[in-house]
């Protein structure tokens, strides 16, 4: 049978080891949660960047299509004006109006593209804010808490030692 002081020291060592392992595991868990949140944020931002790239391409194609349509329309109106024999101001006004309409349409496409970019930037800021908030709520292990856990175990072991119950077998074990 071991002496009570030996049992006291073993109890303290086991408590300290257990508290240390809990601290290390808590750190690993917090690091894993942080990494997962960062990875999710990166994926969401990548997705928003891809959406912006696609919107930019689509807007470029729409503006190009509208400019080509305006050229065709202007050519058609000029041909009609030439065939009708009129080279007057009303034909020029119609051609100018077609050009104005095309310019207005292209400006609207560009404004929509820019507004979509602003919206995606705001969404990215929201993703960053949500991720930071989640990271702030991750429970980090505390060295003070670990120390208190070890101290509590020491006090409990010492109390058992002082009361004389440390090192004695329980009645149920003696009877068996």
Protein backbone atom coordinates (compact mmCIF):
# COMPACT_ATOMS: atom_id res chain seq x y z
CA UNK A 1 0.00 0.00 0.00
CA UNK A 2 1.26 3.48 -0.83
CA UNK A 3 1.86 6.15 1.75
CA UNK A 4 -0.71 8.96 1.88
CA UNK A 5 1.84 11.57 0.77
CA UNK A 6 2.69 9.46 -2.27
CA UNK A 7 -0.99 9.13 -3.08
CA UNK A 8 -1.38 12.89 -2.60
CA UNK A 9 1.45 13.60 -5.04
CA UNK A 10 0.09 11.09 -7.57
CA UNK A 11 -3.36 12.64 -7.29
CA UNK A 12 -1.91 16.10 -7.90
CA UNK A 13 0.14 14.88 -10.87
CA UNK A 14 -2.90 13.20 -12.43
CA UNK A 15 -5.02 16.31 -11.88
CA UNK A 16 -2.33 18.54 -13.39
CA UNK A 17 -1.90 16.24 -16.40
CA UNK A 18 -5.65 16.06 -16.93
CA UNK A 19 -6.01 19.85 -16.72
CA UNK A 20 -3.09 20.31 -19.11
CA UNK A 21 -4.59 17.89 -21.61
CA UNK A 22 -7.94 19.68 -21.38
CA UNK A 23 -6.21 22.99 -22.06
CA UNK A 24 -4.34 21.63 -25.09
CA UNK A 25 -7.51 20.02 -26.47
CA UNK A 26 -9.40 23.28 -25.94
CA UNK A 27 -6.73 25.14 -27.92
CA UNK A 28 -6.91 22.59 -30.74
CA UNK A 29 -10.70 22.86 -30.86
CA UNK A 30 -10.57 26.67 -30.96
CA UNK A 31 -7.93 26.59 -33.72
CA UNK A 32 -10.00 24.12 -35.76
CA UNK A 33 -13.13 26.27 -35.41
CA UNK A 34 -11.18 29.37 -36.44
CA UNK A 35 -9.70 27.61 -39.48
CA UNK A 36 -13.14 26.33 -40.54
CA UNK A 37 -14.68 29.79 -40.24
CA UNK A 38 -11.82 31.35 -42.22
CA UNK A 39 -12.13 28.71 -44.94
CA UNK A 40 -15.90 29.28 -45.19
CA UNK A 41 -15.35 33.03 -45.41
CA UNK A 42 -12.77 32.59 -48.17
CA UNK A 43 -15.18 30.39 -50.14
CA UNK A 44 -18.01 32.92 -49.81
CA UNK A 45 -15.76 35.79 -50.91
CA UNK A 46 -14.47 33.72 -53.84
CA UNK A 47 -18.07 33.05 -54.86
CA UNK A 48 -18.92 36.77 -54.70
CA UNK A 49 -15.83 37.58 -56.78
CA UNK A 50 -16.86 35.00 -59.37
CA UNK A 51 -20.37 36.50 -59.50
CA UNK A 52 -18.85 39.95 -60.06
CA UNK A 53 -16.61 38.64 -62.83
CA UNK A 54 -19.58 36.98 -64.54
CA UNK A 55 -21.68 40.14 -64.17
CA UNK A 56 -18.86 42.21 -65.70
CA UNK A 57 -18.61 39.84 -68.66
CA UNK A 58 -22.37 39.81 -69.16
CA UNK A 59 -22.58 43.62 -69.01
CA UNK A 60 -19.73 43.91 -71.52
CA UNK A 61 -21.53 41.58 -73.91
CA UNK A 62 -24.81 43.46 -73.46
CA UNK A 63 -23.15 46.83 -74.11
CA UNK A 64 -21.38 45.46 -77.18
CA UNK A 65 -24.63 43.95 -78.50
CA UNK A 66 -26.48 47.22 -77.94
CA UNK A 67 -23.76 49.25 -79.69
CA UNK A 68 -23.89 46.86 -82.67
CA UNK A 69 -27.68 47.09 -82.74
CA UNK A 70 -27.40 50.91 -82.73
CA UNK A 71 -25.00 50.82 -85.69
CA UNK A 72 -27.37 48.59 -87.65
CA UNK A 73 -30.32 50.82 -86.76
CA UNK A 74 -28.47 53.97 -87.79
CA UNK A 75 -27.45 52.36 -91.09
CA UNK A 76 -30.98 51.18 -91.74
CA UNK A 77 -32.42 54.65 -91.01
CA UNK A 78 -29.80 56.30 -93.23
CA UNK A 79 -30.66 53.88 -96.04
CA UNK A 80 -34.36 54.61 -95.64
CA UNK A 81 -33.65 58.34 -95.68
CA UNK A 82 -31.53 58.00 -98.81
CA UNK A 83 -34.10 55.89 -100.63
CA UNK A 84 -36.88 58.28 -99.78
CA UNK A 85 -34.85 61.10 -101.18
CA UNK A 86 -34.95 63.04 -97.97
CA UNK A 87 -31.78 64.33 -96.45
CA UNK A 88 -33.51 66.79 -94.23
CA UNK A 89 -33.48 67.53 -90.54
CA UNK A 90 -36.16 65.02 -89.61
CA UNK A 91 -34.00 62.13 -90.81
CA UNK A 92 -31.01 63.46 -88.90
CA UNK A 93 -33.19 63.85 -85.83
CA UNK A 94 -34.35 60.21 -86.09
CA UNK A 95 -30.75 59.00 -86.45
CA UNK A 96 -29.68 61.16 -83.47
CA UNK A 97 -32.56 59.79 -81.39
CA UNK A 98 -31.50 56.23 -82.18
CA UNK A 99 -27.95 57.09 -81.07
CA UNK A 100 -29.26 58.71 -77.89
CA UNK A 101 -31.38 55.64 -77.10
CA UNK A 102 -28.39 53.35 -77.56
CA UNK A 103 -26.20 55.53 -75.35
CA UNK A 104 -28.91 55.61 -72.68
CA UNK A 105 -29.29 51.83 -72.79
CA UNK A 106 -25.53 51.29 -72.51
CA UNK A 107 -25.34 53.72 -69.57
CA UNK A 108 -28.16 51.82 -67.85
CA UNK A 109 -26.34 48.50 -68.34
CA UNK A 110 -23.17 50.03 -66.86
CA UNK A 111 -25.05 51.54 -63.91
CA UNK A 112 -26.65 48.15 -63.19
CA UNK A 113 -23.22 46.49 -63.35
CA UNK A 114 -21.76 49.03 -60.91
CA UNK A 115 -24.75 48.69 -58.55
CA UNK A 116 -24.33 44.90 -58.60
CA UNK A 117 -20.65 45.35 -57.74
CA UNK A 118 -21.55 47.62 -54.84
CA UNK A 119 -24.07 45.05 -53.61
CA UNK A 120 -21.48 42.25 -53.76
CA UNK A 121 -18.95 44.41 -51.90
CA UNK A 122 -21.52 44.99 -49.16
CA UNK A 123 -22.21 41.25 -49.04
CA UNK A 124 -18.45 40.58 -48.70
CA UNK A 125 -18.28 43.06 -45.81
CA UNK A 126 -21.20 41.22 -44.19
CA UNK A 127 -19.40 37.91 -44.64
CA UNK A 128 -16.29 39.37 -42.99
CA UNK A 129 -18.35 40.81 -40.11
CA UNK A 130 -20.23 37.54 -39.55
CA UNK A 131 -17.01 35.54 -39.61
CA UNK A 132 -15.33 37.90 -37.16
CA UNK A 133 -18.33 37.73 -34.85
CA UNK A 134 -18.28 33.92 -34.97
CA UNK A 135 -14.53 33.90 -34.30
CA UNK A 136 -15.00 36.20 -31.32
CA UNK A 137 -17.52 33.78 -29.82
CA UNK A 138 -15.16 30.77 -29.99
CA UNK A 139 -14.32 29.70 -26.46
CA UNK A 140 -10.60 29.87 -25.88
CA UNK A 141 -9.10 27.80 -23.07
CA UNK A 142 -7.86 29.79 -20.10
CA UNK A 143 -4.55 29.30 -18.35
CA UNK A 144 -6.12 30.83 -15.26
CA UNK A 145 -8.98 28.31 -15.42
CA UNK A 146 -6.50 25.48 -15.86
CA UNK A 147 -4.53 26.74 -12.86
CA UNK A 148 -7.70 26.97 -10.78
CA UNK A 149 -8.63 23.43 -11.82
CA UNK A 150 -5.23 22.16 -10.64
CA UNK A 151 -5.48 24.26 -7.46
CA UNK A 152 -8.94 22.87 -6.72
CA UNK A 153 -7.67 19.35 -7.15
CA UNK A 154 -4.76 20.11 -4.81
CA UNK A 155 -7.09 21.51 -2.17
CA UNK A 156 -9.37 18.49 -2.48
CA UNK A 157 -6.47 16.07 -2.24
CA UNK A 158 -4.97 17.91 0.71
CA UNK A 159 -8.33 17.95 2.50
CA UNK A 160 -8.59 14.21 2.01
CA UNK A 161 -5.07 13.80 3.32
CA UNK A 162 -5.76 15.96 6.40
CA UNK A 163 -9.02 14.19 7.20
CA UNK A 164 -7.20 10.89 7.19
CA UNK A 165 -9.34 9.37 4.46
CA UNK A 166 -6.54 9.60 1.93
CA UNK A 167 -4.85 6.26 1.41
CA UNK A 168 -7.54 4.20 3.13
CA UNK A 169 -9.54 1.75 1.16
CA UNK A 170 -13.32 2.21 1.11
CA UNK A 171 -15.36 -0.29 3.23
CA UNK A 172 -16.76 -1.89 0.08
CA UNK A 173 -13.24 -2.79 -1.07
CA UNK A 174 -12.13 -4.10 2.36
CA UNK A 175 -15.12 -6.40 2.59
CA UNK A 176 -14.48 -8.02 -0.77
